[in-house]
Amino acid sequence: GINAEYGKQWYQRRVRGSLASRFPGTGSSYAEFCRNCIPRLVNVINDPDSREVENMSATENCISAVTKIFKHIIGMENLDETTILTWLSWLPIREDDEESLYIYGFLLDLVESNNIYALGENNKNLADIIKILTEGIVNTTIKSDQHPELMARIEAFILPLQKNEAVWQPIWEKLPDNHKVLLSGQYQ
């Protein structure tokens, strides 16, 4: 019907819009173009229907596009607290295993660089970060056979935390049961 056709066209426009900012380029005009794409990408991500099944792919492509702009154009050292916390609020992704490499890789870049905004004061965001990463494994957007380097980075992040009871116990208590099962079997 008309609504189905409109929905299909709307979805295709969203995907094209998200992909437009993913093409490689060079120079300051390209960097400016990428920065100018961010508000449009954020509008798609924040749309009330963005997490509906029919929109998930476009939404996650937009999250990946913003992530790549942050990493390659703006630089994570130039991101403020509000920007990083907003970006974290978009995670985890639920279906795009191709883009998970970039998205979760950037999350680990932030963590590995001890980014205070990502980790939070006194590492208060550690449980949320572990929940995001383990959800990526649980929902199979992070696949050990397709993302071995990413899995190794996740493991290198989680293992030392697990060995420190004072740090690990409060994190463990906040995790869903299926994440606890994963962590009990995979990393211990």
C-alpha atoms as a PDB file:
ATOM      1  CA  GLY A   1       0.000   0.000   0.000  1.00  0.00           C
ATOM      2  CA  ILE A   2       0.840   3.665   0.070  1.00  0.00           C
ATOM      3  CA  ASN A   3       2.165   3.549   3.649  1.00  0.00           C
ATOM      4  CA  ALA A   4       4.431   0.605   2.870  1.00  0.00           C
ATOM      5  CA  GLU A   5       5.820   2.364  -0.205  1.00  0.00           C
ATOM      6  CA  TYR A   6       6.348   5.599   1.742  1.00  0.00           C
ATOM      7  CA  GLY A   7       8.107   3.640   4.504  1.00  0.00           C
ATOM      8  CA  LYS A   8      10.391   1.975   1.977  1.00  0.00           C
ATOM      9  CA  GLN A   9      11.279   5.312   0.352  1.00  0.00           C
ATOM     10  CA  TRP A  10      11.868   6.932   3.757  1.00  0.00           C
ATOM     11  CA  TYR A  11      14.125   4.073   4.796  1.00  0.00           C
ATOM     12  CA  GLN A  12      16.094   4.267   1.528  1.00  0.00           C
ATOM     13  CA  ARG A  13      16.601   8.029   2.006  1.00  0.00           C
ATOM     14  CA  ARG A  14      17.883   7.401   5.534  1.00  0.00           C
ATOM     15  CA  VAL A  15      20.341   4.782   4.324  1.00  0.00           C
ATOM     16  CA  ARG A  16      21.567   7.021   1.477  1.00  0.00           C
ATOM     17  CA  GLY A  17      21.939   9.904   3.917  1.00  0.00           C
ATOM     18  CA  SER A  18      23.963   7.833   6.331  1.00  0.00           C
ATOM     19  CA  LEU A  19      26.132   6.359   3.603  1.00  0.00           C
ATOM     20  CA  ALA A  20      26.870   9.752   2.045  1.00  0.00           C
ATOM     21  CA  SER A  21      29.059  10.656   4.982  1.00  0.00           C
ATOM     22  CA  ARG A  22      30.956   7.345   4.884  1.00  0.00           C
ATOM     23  CA  PHE A  23      32.809   7.795   1.602  1.00  0.00           C
ATOM     24  CA  PRO A  24      36.507   8.462   1.997  1.00  0.00           C
ATOM     25  CA  GLY A  25      37.808  11.845   1.022  1.00  0.00           C
ATOM     26  CA  THR A  26      40.579  14.245   1.758  1.00  0.00           C
ATOM     27  CA  GLY A  27      41.140  17.858   2.595  1.00  0.00           C
ATOM     28  CA  SER A  28      39.507  20.475   4.756  1.00  0.00           C
ATOM     29  CA  SER A  29      36.381  20.718   2.584  1.00  0.00           C
ATOM     30  CA  TYR A  30      35.766  17.007   3.119  1.00  0.00           C
ATOM     31  CA  ALA A  31      36.306  17.384   6.871  1.00  0.00           C
ATOM     32  CA  GLU A  32      33.880  20.307   6.918  1.00  0.00           C
ATOM     33  CA  PHE A  33      31.348  18.276   4.918  1.00  0.00           C
ATOM     34  CA  CYS A  34      31.643  15.438   7.447  1.00  0.00           C
ATOM     35  CA  ARG A  35      31.213  17.768  10.421  1.00  0.00           C
ATOM     36  CA  ASN A  36      28.147  19.276   8.751  1.00  0.00           C
ATOM     37  CA  CYS A  37      26.633  15.799   8.331  1.00  0.00           C
ATOM     38  CA  ILE A  38      26.622  15.126  12.064  1.00  0.00           C
ATOM     39  CA  PRO A  39      23.360  16.988  12.894  1.00  0.00           C
ATOM     40  CA  ARG A  40      21.495  15.130  10.152  1.00  0.00           C
ATOM     41  CA  LEU A  41      22.907  11.795  11.243  1.00  0.00           C
ATOM     42  CA  VAL A  42      22.021  12.542  14.866  1.00  0.00           C
ATOM     43  CA  ASN A  43      18.469  13.424  13.816  1.00  0.00           C
ATOM     44  CA  VAL A  44      18.102   9.986  12.241  1.00  0.00           C
ATOM     45  CA  ILE A  45      19.623   8.257  15.295  1.00  0.00           C
ATOM     46  CA  ASN A  46      17.402  10.171  17.722  1.00  0.00           C
ATOM     47  CA  ASP A  47      14.210   9.730  15.720  1.00  0.00           C
ATOM     48  CA  PRO A  48      11.566   8.032  17.909  1.00  0.00           C
ATOM     49  CA  ASP A  49      11.228   5.230  15.328  1.00  0.00           C
ATOM     50  CA  SER A  50      14.971   4.769  14.755  1.00  0.00           C
ATOM     51  CA  ARG A  51      15.133   1.483  16.681  1.00  0.00           C
ATOM     52  CA  GLU A  52      12.182  -0.086  14.889  1.00  0.00           C
ATOM     53  CA  VAL A  53      13.197  -3.218  12.974  1.00  0.00           C
ATOM     54  CA  GLU A  54      12.695  -1.609   9.573  1.00  0.00           C
ATOM     55  CA  ASN A  55      14.920   1.360  10.544  1.00  0.00           C
ATOM     56  CA  MET A  56      17.635  -0.406  12.530  1.00  0.00           C
ATOM     57  CA  SER A  57      20.093  -0.796   9.666  1.00  0.00           C
ATOM     58  CA  ALA A  58      19.917   2.879   8.715  1.00  0.00           C
ATOM     59  CA  THR A  59      20.208   3.930  12.351  1.00  0.00           C
ATOM     60  CA  GLU A  60      23.246   1.760  12.968  1.00  0.00           C
ATOM     61  CA  ASN A  61      24.860   2.987   9.749  1.00  0.00           C
ATOM     62  CA  CYS A  62      24.367   6.527  11.030  1.00  0.00           C
ATOM     63  CA  ILE A  63      25.925   5.621  14.390  1.00  0.00           C
ATOM     64  CA  SER A  64      28.880   4.150  12.527  1.00  0.00           C
ATOM     65  CA  ALA A  65      29.194   7.214  10.298  1.00  0.00           C
ATOM     66  CA  VAL A  66      29.243   9.526  13.326  1.00  0.00           C
ATOM     67  CA  THR A  67      31.770   7.223  14.993  1.00  0.00           C
ATOM     68  CA  LYS A  68      34.072   7.365  11.971  1.00  0.00           C
ATOM     69  CA  ILE A  69      33.785  11.152  11.816  1.00  0.00           C
ATOM     70  CA  PHE A  70      34.654  11.356  15.508  1.00  0.00           C
ATOM     71  CA  LYS A  71      37.641   9.060  15.102  1.00  0.00           C
ATOM     72  CA  HIS A  72      39.076  10.145  11.758  1.00  0.00           C
ATOM     73  CA  ILE A  73      37.982  13.766  11.311  1.00  0.00           C
ATOM     74  CA  ILE A  74      37.402  15.332  14.710  1.00  0.00           C
ATOM     75  CA  GLY A  75      39.639  13.137  16.885  1.00  0.00           C
ATOM     76  CA  MET A  76      38.548  11.609  20.172  1.00  0.00           C
ATOM     77  CA  GLU A  77      40.706  14.046  22.122  1.00  0.00           C
ATOM     78  CA  ASN A  78      38.512  16.870  20.804  1.00  0.00           C
ATOM     79  CA  LEU A  79      35.191  15.385  21.936  1.00  0.00           C
ATOM     80  CA  ASP A  80      33.519  16.874  24.995  1.00  0.00           C
ATOM     81  CA  GLU A  81      31.653  15.059  27.755  1.00  0.00           C
ATOM     82  CA  THR A  82      28.175  15.671  26.347  1.00  0.00           C
ATOM     83  CA  THR A  83      29.203  14.376  22.936  1.00  0.00           C
ATOM     84  CA  ILE A  84      30.760  11.186  24.303  1.00  0.00           C
ATOM     85  CA  LEU A  85      27.881  10.474  26.694  1.00  0.00           C
ATOM     86  CA  THR A  86      25.362  11.034  23.898  1.00  0.00           C
ATOM     87  CA  TRP A  87      27.309   8.667  21.650  1.00  0.00           C
ATOM     88  CA  LEU A  88      27.436   6.046  24.422  1.00  0.00           C
ATOM     89  CA  SER A  89      23.657   6.344  24.850  1.00  0.00           C
ATOM     90  CA  TRP A  90      23.220   5.052  21.294  1.00  0.00           C
ATOM     91  CA  LEU A  91      24.921   1.769  22.160  1.00  0.00           C
ATOM     92  CA  PRO A  92      24.760  -1.146  21.940  1.00  0.00           C
ATOM     93  CA  ILE A  93      23.963  -1.744  18.320  1.00  0.00           C
ATOM     94  CA  ARG A  94      21.789  -4.769  17.670  1.00  0.00           C
ATOM     95  CA  GLU A  95      22.209  -6.046  14.127  1.00  0.00           C
ATOM     96  CA  ASP A  96      25.058  -4.584  12.061  1.00  0.00           C
ATOM     97  CA  ASP A  97      28.024  -6.891  12.565  1.00  0.00           C
ATOM     98  CA  GLU A  98      30.002  -5.088   9.839  1.00  0.00           C
ATOM     99  CA  GLU A  99      29.800  -1.719  11.571  1.00  0.00           C
ATOM    100  CA  SER A 100      30.340  -3.205  15.033  1.00  0.00           C
ATOM    101  CA  LEU A 101      34.052  -3.381  14.359  1.00  0.00           C
ATOM    102  CA  TYR A 102      34.215   0.416  14.016  1.00  0.00           C
ATOM    103  CA  ILE A 103      31.728   1.285  16.726  1.00  0.00           C
ATOM    104  CA  TYR A 104      33.010  -1.038  19.434  1.00  0.00           C
ATOM    105  CA  GLY A 105      36.577  -0.432  18.311  1.00  0.00           C
ATOM    106  CA  PHE A 106      36.092   3.276  18.963  1.00  0.00           C
ATOM    107  CA  LEU A 107      34.568   2.512  22.364  1.00  0.00           C
ATOM    108  CA  LEU A 108      37.693   0.539  23.205  1.00  0.00           C
ATOM    109  CA  ASP A 109      39.867   3.386  21.876  1.00  0.00           C
ATOM    110  CA  LEU A 110      38.176   5.660  24.397  1.00  0.00           C
ATOM    111  CA  VAL A 111      38.591   3.147  27.225  1.00  0.00           C
ATOM    112  CA  GLU A 112      42.197   2.274  26.381  1.00  0.00           C
ATOM    113  CA  SER A 113      43.105   5.968  26.330  1.00  0.00           C
ATOM    114  CA  ASN A 114      41.474   6.361  29.781  1.00  0.00           C
ATOM    115  CA  ASN A 115      39.027   8.901  28.424  1.00  0.00           C
ATOM    116  CA  ILE A 116      37.497  10.428  31.542  1.00  0.00           C
ATOM    117  CA  TYR A 117      34.209  11.205  29.809  1.00  0.00           C
ATOM    118  CA  ALA A 118      33.714   7.627  28.632  1.00  0.00           C
ATOM    119  CA  LEU A 119      34.891   6.010  31.862  1.00  0.00           C
ATOM    120  CA  GLY A 120      33.208   8.553  34.113  1.00  0.00           C
ATOM    121  CA  GLU A 121      34.482  10.011  37.321  1.00  0.00           C
ATOM    122  CA  ASN A 122      36.027   7.242  39.438  1.00  0.00           C
ATOM    123  CA  ASN A 123      35.282   4.818  36.570  1.00  0.00           C
ATOM    124  CA  LYS A 124      31.564   4.939  37.326  1.00  0.00           C
ATOM    125  CA  ASN A 125      30.707   3.977  33.713  1.00  0.00           C
ATOM    126  CA  LEU A 126      32.697   0.724  33.700  1.00  0.00           C
ATOM    127  CA  ALA A 127      29.634  -1.461  34.259  1.00  0.00           C
ATOM    128  CA  ASP A 128      27.759   0.261  31.430  1.00  0.00           C
ATOM    129  CA  ILE A 129      30.720  -0.131  29.084  1.00  0.00           C
ATOM    130  CA  ILE A 130      31.061  -3.822  29.901  1.00  0.00           C
ATOM    131  CA  LYS A 131      27.307  -4.252  29.458  1.00  0.00           C
ATOM    132  CA  ILE A 132      27.530  -2.591  26.012  1.00  0.00           C
ATOM    133  CA  LEU A 133      30.440  -4.775  24.929  1.00  0.00           C
ATOM    134  CA  THR A 134      28.966  -8.015  26.260  1.00  0.00           C
ATOM    135  CA  GLU A 135      25.614  -7.193  24.668  1.00  0.00           C
ATOM    136  CA  GLY A 136      27.456  -6.914  21.366  1.00  0.00           C
ATOM    137  CA  ILE A 137      28.742 -10.450  21.890  1.00  0.00           C
ATOM    138  CA  VAL A 138      25.402 -11.793  23.143  1.00  0.00           C
ATOM    139  CA  ASN A 139      23.447 -10.320  20.212  1.00  0.00           C
ATOM    140  CA  THR A 140      26.238 -11.485  17.829  1.00  0.00           C
ATOM    141  CA  THR A 141      27.069  -8.099  16.355  1.00  0.00           C
ATOM    142  CA  ILE A 142      30.548  -8.910  17.678  1.00  0.00           C
ATOM    143  CA  LYS A 143      31.575 -12.330  16.388  1.00  0.00           C
ATOM    144  CA  SER A 144      34.747 -13.962  17.634  1.00  0.00           C
ATOM    145  CA  ASP A 145      35.401 -15.663  14.283  1.00  0.00           C
ATOM    146  CA  GLN A 146      34.929 -12.449  12.268  1.00  0.00           C
ATOM    147  CA  HIS A 147      36.375  -9.975  14.767  1.00  0.00           C
ATOM    148  CA  PRO A 148      39.310 -11.718  16.479  1.00  0.00           C
ATOM    149  CA  GLU A 149      41.256  -8.500  17.077  1.00  0.00           C
ATOM    150  CA  LEU A 150      38.215  -6.791  18.566  1.00  0.00           C
ATOM    151  CA  MET A 151      37.559  -9.816  20.780  1.00  0.00           C
ATOM    152  CA  ALA A 152      41.177  -9.765  21.942  1.00  0.00           C
ATOM    153  CA  ARG A 153      40.832  -6.086  22.860  1.00  0.00           C
ATOM    154  CA  ILE A 154      37.623  -6.766  24.786  1.00  0.00           C
ATOM    155  CA  GLU A 155      39.287  -9.611  26.617  1.00  0.00           C
ATOM    156  CA  ALA A 156      42.331  -7.449  27.416  1.00  0.00           C
ATOM    157  CA  PHE A 157      39.980  -4.843  28.867  1.00  0.00           C
ATOM    158  CA  ILE A 158      37.795  -7.204  30.905  1.00  0.00           C
ATOM    159  CA  LEU A 159      40.309  -9.729  32.294  1.00  0.00           C
ATOM    160  CA  PRO A 160      42.213  -7.310  34.568  1.00  0.00           C
ATOM    161  CA  LEU A 161      38.924  -5.985  35.922  1.00  0.00           C
ATOM    162  CA  GLN A 162      37.750  -9.515  36.743  1.00  0.00           C
ATOM    163  CA  LYS A 163      40.946 -10.148  38.687  1.00  0.00           C
ATOM    164  CA  ASN A 164      40.312  -7.146  40.945  1.00  0.00           C
ATOM    165  CA  GLU A 165      37.463  -8.219  43.242  1.00  0.00           C
ATOM    166  CA  ALA A 166      36.856  -4.698  44.583  1.00  0.00           C
ATOM    167  CA  VAL A 167      36.370  -3.367  41.050  1.00  0.00           C
ATOM    168  CA  TRP A 168      34.651  -6.413  39.544  1.00  0.00           C
ATOM    169  CA  GLN A 169      31.973  -7.137  42.164  1.00  0.00           C
ATOM    170  CA  PRO A 170      29.987  -3.877  41.679  1.00  0.00           C
ATOM    171  CA  ILE A 171      30.210  -4.330  37.895  1.00  0.00           C
ATOM    172  CA  TRP A 172      29.097  -7.963  38.126  1.00  0.00           C
ATOM    173  CA  GLU A 173      26.043  -7.031  40.191  1.00  0.00           C
ATOM    174  CA  LYS A 174      24.804  -4.667  37.460  1.00  0.00           C
ATOM    175  CA  LEU A 175      25.063  -7.153  34.594  1.00  0.00           C
ATOM    176  CA  PRO A 176      22.096  -9.124  33.223  1.00  0.00           C
ATOM    177  CA  ASP A 177      22.203 -12.881  33.782  1.00  0.00           C
ATOM    178  CA  ASN A 178      22.945 -13.722  30.142  1.00  0.00           C
ATOM    179  CA  HIS A 179      25.986 -11.431  30.280  1.00  0.00           C
ATOM    180  CA  LYS A 180      27.151 -13.118  33.479  1.00  0.00           C
ATOM    181  CA  VAL A 181      26.890 -16.515  31.800  1.00  0.00           C
ATOM    182  CA  LEU A 182      28.941 -15.226  28.867  1.00  0.00           C
ATOM    183  CA  LEU A 183      31.601 -13.724  31.107  1.00  0.00           C
ATOM    184  CA  SER A 184      31.756 -16.790  33.351  1.00  0.00           C
ATOM    185  CA  GLY A 185      32.400 -19.088  30.413  1.00  0.00           C
ATOM    186  CA  GLN A 186      34.380 -16.937  28.057  1.00  0.00           C
ATOM    187  CA  TYR A 187      36.819 -14.917  30.100  1.00  0.00           C
ATOM    188  CA  GLN A 188      37.434 -16.793  33.336  1.00  0.00           C
END
